[in-house]
């Protein structure tokens, strides 16, 4: 039987590296992920979360899924509206009046 000789040649600068495209795909995926995160922050108008200022934000005002987001002293607190009427003990602290133009005025007692 005759033995076959396989020639093994090394890559030279003129040859293409078959894995070079994979590195480019990884870089492209990382750029896409960062761009997607930046787009979400801008779309949801959340740059305030990254600032040092204190703020209060109301999402979906007057609806069942309303949320109040408060940032104070670097701590972010979320309050969600409940569907039912408030229960428990308390005291009356004032009266609110709605004017003809839709403005609401609160009068403490």
Protein backbone atom coordinates (compact mmCIF):
# COMPACT_ATOMS: atom_id res chain seq x y z
CA UNK A 1 0.00 0.00 0.00
CA UNK A 2 1.07 3.45 -0.83
CA UNK A 3 1.06 6.10 1.88
CA UNK A 4 -0.45 9.42 1.05
CA UNK A 5 1.27 12.58 2.03
CA UNK A 6 -0.89 15.43 3.15
CA UNK A 7 0.62 18.80 2.80
CA UNK A 8 0.05 21.15 5.68
CA UNK A 9 0.72 24.68 4.81
CA UNK A 10 0.65 27.55 7.23
CA UNK A 11 -1.40 30.70 6.84
CA UNK A 12 0.41 33.58 5.30
CA UNK A 13 -0.52 37.24 5.26
CA UNK A 14 -2.21 36.76 1.91
CA UNK A 15 -4.59 34.07 3.19
CA UNK A 16 -7.83 34.92 4.94
CA UNK A 17 -8.27 33.87 8.55
CA UNK A 18 -11.57 31.95 8.76
CA UNK A 19 -12.32 33.21 12.30
CA UNK A 20 -11.73 36.89 11.58
CA UNK A 21 -15.40 37.38 10.70
CA UNK A 22 -16.55 36.05 14.09
CA UNK A 23 -14.66 38.79 15.93
CA UNK A 24 -16.31 41.39 13.74
CA UNK A 25 -19.76 39.92 14.48
CA UNK A 26 -19.10 40.10 18.23
CA UNK A 27 -18.06 43.75 17.95
CA UNK A 28 -21.17 44.51 15.92
CA UNK A 29 -23.40 42.81 18.52
CA UNK A 30 -21.85 44.85 21.36
CA UNK A 31 -22.36 48.13 19.47
CA UNK A 32 -25.97 47.16 18.75
CA UNK A 33 -26.64 46.34 22.43
CA UNK A 34 -25.25 49.68 23.65
CA UNK A 35 -27.21 51.60 21.01
CA UNK A 36 -30.39 49.78 22.03
CA UNK A 37 -29.91 50.69 25.69
CA UNK A 38 -29.31 54.36 24.86
CA UNK A 39 -32.41 54.41 22.63
CA UNK A 40 -34.55 52.93 25.44
CA UNK A 41 -33.34 55.53 27.96
CA UNK A 42 -34.13 58.35 25.54
CA UNK A 43 -37.50 56.86 24.50
CA UNK A 44 -38.74 56.38 28.06
CA UNK A 45 -37.43 59.83 29.05
CA UNK A 46 -35.37 58.46 31.91
CA UNK A 47 -32.19 60.57 31.80
CA UNK A 48 -33.41 62.12 35.06
CA UNK A 49 -32.68 58.82 36.81
CA UNK A 50 -28.98 59.25 36.08
CA UNK A 51 -28.75 62.86 37.28
CA UNK A 52 -28.11 63.99 40.86
CA UNK A 53 -31.32 66.06 41.04
CA UNK A 54 -34.31 65.11 43.16
CA UNK A 55 -37.55 64.66 41.23
CA UNK A 56 -41.05 63.19 41.25
CA UNK A 57 -42.49 61.62 38.12
CA UNK A 58 -46.04 60.35 37.52
CA UNK A 59 -46.52 57.63 34.90
CA UNK A 60 -49.99 57.05 33.44
CA UNK A 61 -51.75 59.71 35.54
CA UNK A 62 -55.37 58.97 36.41
CA UNK A 63 -55.29 55.40 35.09
CA UNK A 64 -55.43 52.07 36.91
CA UNK A 65 -51.72 51.37 36.36
CA UNK A 66 -50.55 54.79 37.58
CA UNK A 67 -47.10 54.92 39.19
CA UNK A 68 -45.35 57.66 41.13
CA UNK A 69 -41.55 57.55 41.01
CA UNK A 70 -39.67 59.65 43.58
CA UNK A 71 -35.92 60.17 43.64
CA UNK A 72 -34.71 61.69 46.89
CA UNK A 73 -31.19 61.59 48.37
CA UNK A 74 -30.04 59.22 45.61
CA UNK A 75 -32.74 56.65 46.48
CA UNK A 76 -35.48 55.79 43.97
CA UNK A 77 -38.89 54.80 45.36
CA UNK A 78 -41.86 53.59 43.29
CA UNK A 79 -45.45 53.84 44.44
CA UNK A 80 -48.19 51.98 42.57
CA UNK A 81 -51.87 52.92 42.66
CA UNK A 82 -54.29 50.41 44.11
CA UNK A 83 -57.61 49.66 42.47
CA UNK A 84 -59.75 49.94 45.60
CA UNK A 85 -60.76 52.75 47.91
CA UNK A 86 -58.32 53.59 50.68
CA UNK A 87 -59.03 51.85 53.95
CA UNK A 88 -57.90 52.35 57.49
CA UNK A 89 -58.08 55.05 60.09
CA UNK A 90 -57.22 58.63 59.44
CA UNK A 91 -58.43 62.18 59.76
CA UNK A 92 -59.68 64.78 57.35
CA UNK A 93 -56.99 67.29 56.50
CA UNK A 94 -58.71 69.51 53.97
CA UNK A 95 -61.04 69.96 51.03
CA UNK A 96 -60.30 69.99 47.30
CA UNK A 97 -62.42 72.03 44.87
CA UNK A 98 -62.42 71.73 41.08
CA UNK A 99 -62.98 74.99 39.21
CA UNK A 100 -64.83 75.37 35.90
CA UNK A 101 -61.56 75.53 33.96
CA UNK A 102 -60.44 72.15 35.39
CA UNK A 103 -58.03 73.57 37.97
CA UNK A 104 -58.09 71.92 41.41
CA UNK A 105 -57.60 73.96 44.57
CA UNK A 106 -56.78 72.36 47.93
CA UNK A 107 -57.90 74.14 51.10
CA UNK A 108 -56.38 72.79 54.33
CA UNK A 109 -58.59 72.79 57.42
